[in-house]
Amino acid sequence: MRQEAFFLGLGAQRRFCLATRPRGTPRGAVLHVPPFAEELNRSRRMAALAAQAMARAGWLVLQIDHHGCGDSEGDFADATWDSWLHDLDTAHAWLIEQTTGPICLWTLRAGSLLAASWLSGQAQARPLPMVCWQPVINGGQYLTQFLRIRLANEMADGAAARTLMATLRDDLQAGRPALVAGYPLSSAVARGLESAVLTMVSNHAAPITLLEVSPGAIPVLTPATQQLLHTLQKLGMPREAAAVSGPKFWQTAEIEVAPALIAPTMAAFEAASP
């Protein structure tokens, strides 16, 4: 196993990538679609552990920092939903050149929304298997939760909270960025996020695996994920879901990991491999 850090693209299109390669010829590839804003930074350790486990099992794993994120070009305020979709185009094209095996998607939190939006725009003969960690189901609700971080930071409640929330939304509606927890959220990203929902196109025949962590003694899926599982079942799409014990590492101030997520993830990829 070895890691390679490099940039894809030129100039303003440069995107920082980290490829974790297996020994020998890869059996296939995994494209990681990361979470949003600070959740990305807090989940890097867990993502690294998982990528290393995947590479040891023979998979080439590509992690990409999207436009305006991490070490990629641009500022967060410059990013758009469409530029992030284009980043997935770029990453997927690179992986096609690296392996003749299957390519799978591995998403975390709001990365599931971006991946679903990207898949809906693909005219692929062969849909991509997808493993979603703690998927966000509704982008509009997620955007509201993100904006509420600003309210909490300013200890606003009651009328003050309603006024501040209205101001943030007015800024976004007018095309101005809304500053939340140090992140200048662009109106273009906000629009894309607000309209995004975790749904799959009707011809998506590849398996979808939903995995969540639960701090309780007996792990259980969230009601929203249970509902999504039921919807996928009615559509006749191949799907699996499981909850495992572990912390919500993407939101903890201290670096935490949930190793129990790795085994069912590997099992899902194993099923996708010829």
Protein backbone atom coordinates (compact mmCIF):
# COMPACT_ATOMS: atom_id res chain seq x y z
CA MET A 1 0.00 0.00 0.00
CA ARG A 2 1.25 3.47 -0.84
CA GLN A 3 -0.18 6.98 -0.88
CA GLU A 4 0.24 9.64 -3.56
CA ALA A 5 -0.65 13.31 -3.10
CA PHE A 6 -1.13 15.28 -6.33
CA PHE A 7 -3.27 17.84 -8.13
CA LEU A 8 -5.76 17.14 -10.90
CA GLY A 9 -6.47 19.96 -13.32
CA LEU A 10 -4.70 23.23 -14.04
CA GLY A 11 -4.98 26.78 -12.79
CA ALA A 12 -8.31 27.53 -11.16
CA GLN A 13 -9.37 23.93 -11.82
CA ARG A 14 -6.58 22.41 -9.69
CA ARG A 15 -7.98 19.96 -7.15
CA PHE A 16 -5.88 18.35 -4.45
CA CYS A 17 -6.15 14.56 -4.42
CA LEU A 18 -4.87 11.76 -2.25
CA ALA A 19 -4.72 8.32 -3.82
CA THR A 20 -4.21 5.27 -1.62
CA ARG A 21 -3.00 2.44 -3.82
CA PRO A 22 -2.93 -1.28 -3.13
CA ARG A 23 0.02 -3.49 -3.89
CA GLY A 24 -0.18 -4.82 -7.41
CA THR A 25 -3.04 -4.30 -9.83
CA PRO A 26 -6.15 -2.85 -8.14
CA ARG A 27 -9.28 -4.99 -8.20
CA GLY A 28 -11.29 -1.80 -8.60
CA ALA A 29 -11.51 1.76 -7.35
CA VAL A 30 -13.37 3.75 -4.71
CA LEU A 31 -14.17 7.44 -5.06
CA HIS A 32 -14.73 9.17 -1.73
CA VAL A 33 -17.31 11.96 -1.75
CA PRO A 34 -16.57 13.92 1.44
CA PRO A 35 -18.86 15.75 3.84
CA PHE A 36 -19.57 19.46 4.09
CA ALA A 37 -17.60 22.29 5.74
CA GLU A 38 -16.14 21.48 9.17
CA GLU A 39 -17.47 17.92 9.03
CA LEU A 40 -14.79 17.29 6.40
CA ASN A 41 -11.96 18.27 8.75
CA ARG A 42 -13.34 16.33 11.69
CA SER A 43 -13.74 13.14 9.67
CA ARG A 44 -10.30 13.08 7.99
CA ARG A 45 -8.81 10.60 10.46
CA MET A 46 -11.71 8.15 10.05
CA ALA A 47 -11.59 8.53 6.27
CA ALA A 48 -7.84 7.83 6.30
CA LEU A 49 -8.29 4.64 8.35
CA ALA A 50 -11.00 3.39 6.00
CA ALA A 51 -9.01 4.24 2.85
CA GLN A 52 -6.02 2.30 4.16
CA ALA A 53 -8.21 -0.72 4.93
CA MET A 54 -9.69 -0.58 1.43
CA ALA A 55 -6.23 -0.42 -0.15
CA ARG A 56 -5.05 -3.40 1.86
CA ALA A 57 -8.01 -5.31 0.40
CA GLY A 58 -6.92 -4.42 -3.13
CA TRP A 59 -8.87 -1.22 -3.87
CA LEU A 60 -7.49 2.03 -5.25
CA VAL A 61 -9.05 4.85 -3.19
CA LEU A 62 -9.23 8.46 -4.39
CA GLN A 63 -9.99 11.28 -1.97
CA ILE A 64 -10.50 14.70 -3.53
CA ASP A 65 -10.78 18.15 -1.96
CA HIS A 66 -13.54 19.93 -3.83
CA HIS A 67 -13.39 23.45 -5.23
CA GLY A 68 -12.67 25.89 -2.40
CA CYS A 69 -12.09 23.12 0.14
CA GLY A 70 -8.96 21.81 1.79
CA ASP A 71 -5.88 22.32 -0.39
CA SER A 72 -7.74 22.78 -3.68
CA GLU A 73 -7.85 26.04 -5.59
CA GLY A 74 -10.34 28.75 -4.72
CA ASP A 75 -12.01 29.94 -1.57
CA PHE A 76 -15.07 28.37 -0.01
CA ALA A 77 -17.08 31.44 -1.02
CA ASP A 78 -16.16 30.79 -4.69
CA ALA A 79 -17.52 27.24 -4.76
CA THR A 80 -20.75 26.25 -6.45
CA TRP A 81 -22.77 23.05 -6.44
CA ASP A 82 -22.02 22.69 -10.15
CA SER A 83 -18.27 23.10 -9.62
CA TRP A 84 -18.39 20.29 -7.05
CA LEU A 85 -20.27 18.11 -9.54
CA HIS A 86 -17.57 18.88 -12.10
CA ASP A 87 -14.95 17.78 -9.56
CA LEU A 88 -16.63 14.37 -9.41
CA ASP A 89 -16.50 14.21 -13.22
CA THR A 90 -12.76 14.87 -13.05
CA ALA A 91 -12.12 12.34 -10.30
CA HIS A 92 -14.20 9.64 -11.99
CA ALA A 93 -12.43 10.16 -15.32
CA TRP A 94 -9.06 9.76 -13.60
CA LEU A 95 -10.14 6.51 -11.94
CA ILE A 96 -11.33 5.08 -15.26
CA GLU A 97 -7.77 5.49 -16.50
CA GLN A 98 -6.37 3.68 -13.46
CA THR A 99 -8.37 0.46 -13.38
CA THR A 100 -10.51 -1.83 -15.48
CA GLY A 101 -12.31 -3.06 -12.37
CA PRO A 102 -15.53 -1.70 -10.84
CA ILE A 103 -15.67 1.86 -9.52
CA CYS A 104 -17.63 2.41 -6.33
CA LEU A 105 -18.76 5.54 -4.51
CA TRP A 106 -18.18 5.98 -0.78
CA THR A 107 -19.92 9.00 0.70
CA LEU A 108 -20.16 10.66 4.09
CA ARG A 109 -23.00 12.88 5.33
CA ALA A 110 -23.90 15.56 2.73
CA GLY A 111 -21.52 13.91 0.30
CA SER A 112 -24.39 11.49 -0.30
CA LEU A 113 -26.52 14.35 -1.64
CA LEU A 114 -23.76 15.48 -3.99
CA ALA A 115 -23.16 11.92 -5.20
CA ALA A 116 -26.87 11.38 -5.86
CA SER A 117 -27.05 14.66 -7.81
CA TRP A 118 -24.01 13.62 -9.81
CA LEU A 119 -25.38 10.15 -10.56
CA SER A 120 -28.65 11.63 -11.79
CA GLY A 121 -26.71 13.51 -14.46
CA GLN A 122 -24.68 10.54 -15.63
CA ALA A 123 -25.63 8.61 -18.76
CA GLN A 124 -23.75 5.52 -17.69
CA ALA A 125 -24.51 2.05 -18.99
CA ARG A 126 -23.31 0.67 -15.69
CA PRO A 127 -24.48 2.47 -12.52
CA LEU A 128 -21.98 2.75 -9.70
CA PRO A 129 -22.41 0.89 -6.40
CA MET A 130 -22.58 3.32 -3.49
CA VAL A 131 -21.91 3.03 0.23
CA CYS A 132 -23.31 5.98 2.22
CA TRP A 133 -22.04 6.68 5.71
CA GLN A 134 -24.59 8.52 7.87
CA PRO A 135 -26.31 9.91 4.77
CA VAL A 136 -28.05 13.27 4.79
CA ILE A 137 -31.46 12.66 3.24
CA ASN A 138 -32.83 16.20 2.82
CA GLY A 139 -30.56 19.05 1.78
CA GLY A 140 -33.02 21.77 2.76
CA GLN A 141 -33.18 20.54 6.33
CA TYR A 142 -29.42 20.18 6.43
CA LEU A 143 -28.94 23.77 5.22
CA THR A 144 -31.22 25.03 7.99
CA GLN A 145 -29.23 23.04 10.57
CA PHE A 146 -26.00 24.50 9.21
CA LEU A 147 -27.29 28.08 9.41
CA ARG A 148 -28.38 27.44 12.99
CA ILE A 149 -24.71 27.04 13.93
CA ARG A 150 -24.45 30.82 13.49
CA LEU A 151 -27.40 31.30 15.81
CA ALA A 152 -25.81 29.08 18.43
CA ASN A 153 -22.44 30.84 18.15
CA GLU A 154 -24.09 34.20 18.74
CA MET A 155 -26.33 32.74 21.46
CA ALA A 156 -29.34 34.12 19.65
CA ASP A 157 -32.78 32.91 20.65
CA GLY A 158 -36.37 33.98 20.30
CA ALA A 159 -36.89 37.09 18.18
CA ALA A 160 -33.14 37.63 17.78
CA ALA A 161 -32.72 34.13 16.34
CA ARG A 162 -35.58 34.61 13.89
CA THR A 163 -34.14 37.96 12.77
CA LEU A 164 -30.65 36.54 12.28
CA MET A 165 -31.95 33.52 10.37
CA ALA A 166 -33.98 35.82 8.11
CA THR A 167 -30.88 37.97 7.50
CA LEU A 168 -28.79 34.94 6.56
CA ARG A 169 -31.42 33.71 4.13
CA ASP A 170 -31.88 37.21 2.68
CA ASP A 171 -28.13 37.40 2.05
CA LEU A 172 -28.15 34.07 0.25
CA GLN A 173 -31.23 35.01 -1.76
CA ALA A 174 -29.50 38.23 -2.84
CA GLY A 175 -26.38 36.37 -3.93
CA ARG A 176 -24.28 37.36 -0.92
CA PRO A 177 -22.36 34.74 1.08
CA ALA A 178 -23.54 33.91 4.60
CA LEU A 179 -20.73 33.53 7.12
CA VAL A 180 -21.31 30.48 9.34
CA ALA A 181 -18.66 29.10 11.71
CA GLY A 182 -15.91 30.71 9.65
CA TYR A 183 -17.26 29.37 6.35
CA PRO A 184 -18.54 31.95 3.81
CA LEU A 185 -21.36 29.91 2.30
CA SER A 186 -22.06 31.00 -1.27
CA SER A 187 -25.60 31.38 -2.53
CA ALA A 188 -24.75 28.94 -5.36
CA VAL A 189 -23.81 26.17 -2.93
CA ALA A 190 -26.80 27.00 -0.72
CA ARG A 191 -29.21 26.70 -3.65
CA GLY A 192 -27.77 23.37 -4.70
CA LEU A 193 -27.80 22.03 -1.18
CA GLU A 194 -31.32 23.22 -0.44
CA SER A 195 -32.77 21.53 -3.52
CA ALA A 196 -30.85 18.27 -3.07
CA VAL A 197 -32.51 15.10 -1.81
CA LEU A 198 -31.10 11.61 -1.56
CA THR A 199 -32.98 9.88 -4.34
CA MET A 200 -31.76 7.62 -7.11
CA VAL A 201 -32.67 7.60 -10.76
CA SER A 202 -35.12 4.84 -11.67
CA ASN A 203 -32.57 2.83 -13.65
CA HIS A 204 -29.97 2.73 -10.88
CA ALA A 205 -29.52 -1.02 -10.64
CA ALA A 206 -26.27 -0.99 -8.65
CA PRO A 207 -26.43 -1.81 -4.92
CA ILE A 208 -26.84 0.98 -2.38
CA THR A 209 -25.64 0.42 1.18
CA LEU A 210 -26.66 2.78 3.99
CA LEU A 211 -24.49 2.63 7.12
CA GLU A 212 -24.94 4.60 10.32
CA VAL A 213 -23.30 4.81 13.71
CA SER A 214 -25.28 4.78 16.92
CA PRO A 215 -23.96 5.56 20.41
CA GLY A 216 -26.48 3.25 22.08
CA ALA A 217 -25.81 -0.26 23.32
CA ILE A 218 -28.04 -1.60 20.53
CA PRO A 219 -27.33 0.34 17.30
CA VAL A 220 -30.43 1.41 15.37
CA LEU A 221 -30.99 3.24 12.11
CA THR A 222 -32.42 6.75 12.23
CA PRO A 223 -36.09 7.10 11.20
CA ALA A 224 -35.07 9.10 8.11
CA THR A 225 -32.78 6.33 6.90
CA GLN A 226 -35.41 3.70 7.62
CA GLN A 227 -37.82 5.68 5.45
CA LEU A 228 -35.25 5.97 2.65
CA LEU A 229 -34.66 2.23 2.83
CA HIS A 230 -38.39 1.64 2.47
CA THR A 231 -38.53 3.98 -0.53
CA LEU A 232 -35.66 2.21 -2.27
CA GLN A 233 -37.36 -1.11 -1.58
CA LYS A 234 -40.57 0.06 -3.24
CA LEU A 235 -38.55 1.17 -6.27
CA GLY A 236 -37.06 -2.31 -6.50
CA MET A 237 -33.48 -1.08 -6.07
CA PRO A 238 -30.87 -3.38 -4.49
CA ARG A 239 -30.21 -1.95 -1.05
CA GLU A 240 -28.79 -2.84 2.34
CA ALA A 241 -28.64 -0.95 5.60
CA ALA A 242 -27.03 -1.42 8.99
CA ALA A 243 -26.26 0.50 12.14
CA VAL A 244 -23.05 -0.05 14.09
CA SER A 245 -21.80 1.17 17.44
CA GLY A 246 -19.62 4.24 17.39
CA PRO A 247 -19.35 8.00 17.97
CA LYS A 248 -20.56 10.69 15.59
CA PHE A 249 -16.97 11.46 14.62
CA TRP A 250 -17.90 14.12 12.04
CA GLN A 251 -19.24 16.44 14.73
CA THR A 252 -17.03 15.85 17.78
CA ALA A 253 -14.49 18.48 18.81
CA GLU A 254 -11.97 15.77 19.65
CA ILE A 255 -10.77 13.43 16.91
CA GLU A 256 -12.78 10.20 17.15
CA VAL A 257 -13.23 7.20 14.90
CA ALA A 258 -15.84 4.48 14.37
CA PRO A 259 -13.89 1.42 13.15
CA ALA A 260 -17.06 -0.71 13.12
CA LEU A 261 -18.07 1.04 9.89
CA ILE A 262 -15.19 -0.49 7.95
CA ALA A 263 -16.17 -4.18 7.89
CA PRO A 264 -19.68 -3.70 6.40
CA THR A 265 -18.23 -1.21 3.93
CA MET A 266 -15.68 -3.74 2.78
CA ALA A 267 -18.39 -6.40 2.50
CA ALA A 268 -20.41 -4.10 0.23
CA PHE A 269 -17.42 -3.48 -2.03
CA GLU A 270 -16.61 -7.18 -2.05
CA ALA A 271 -20.10 -7.89 -3.38
CA ALA A 272 -19.50 -5.35 -6.16
CA SER A 273 -16.21 -6.91 -7.20
CA PRO A 274 -16.19 -9.65 -9.83
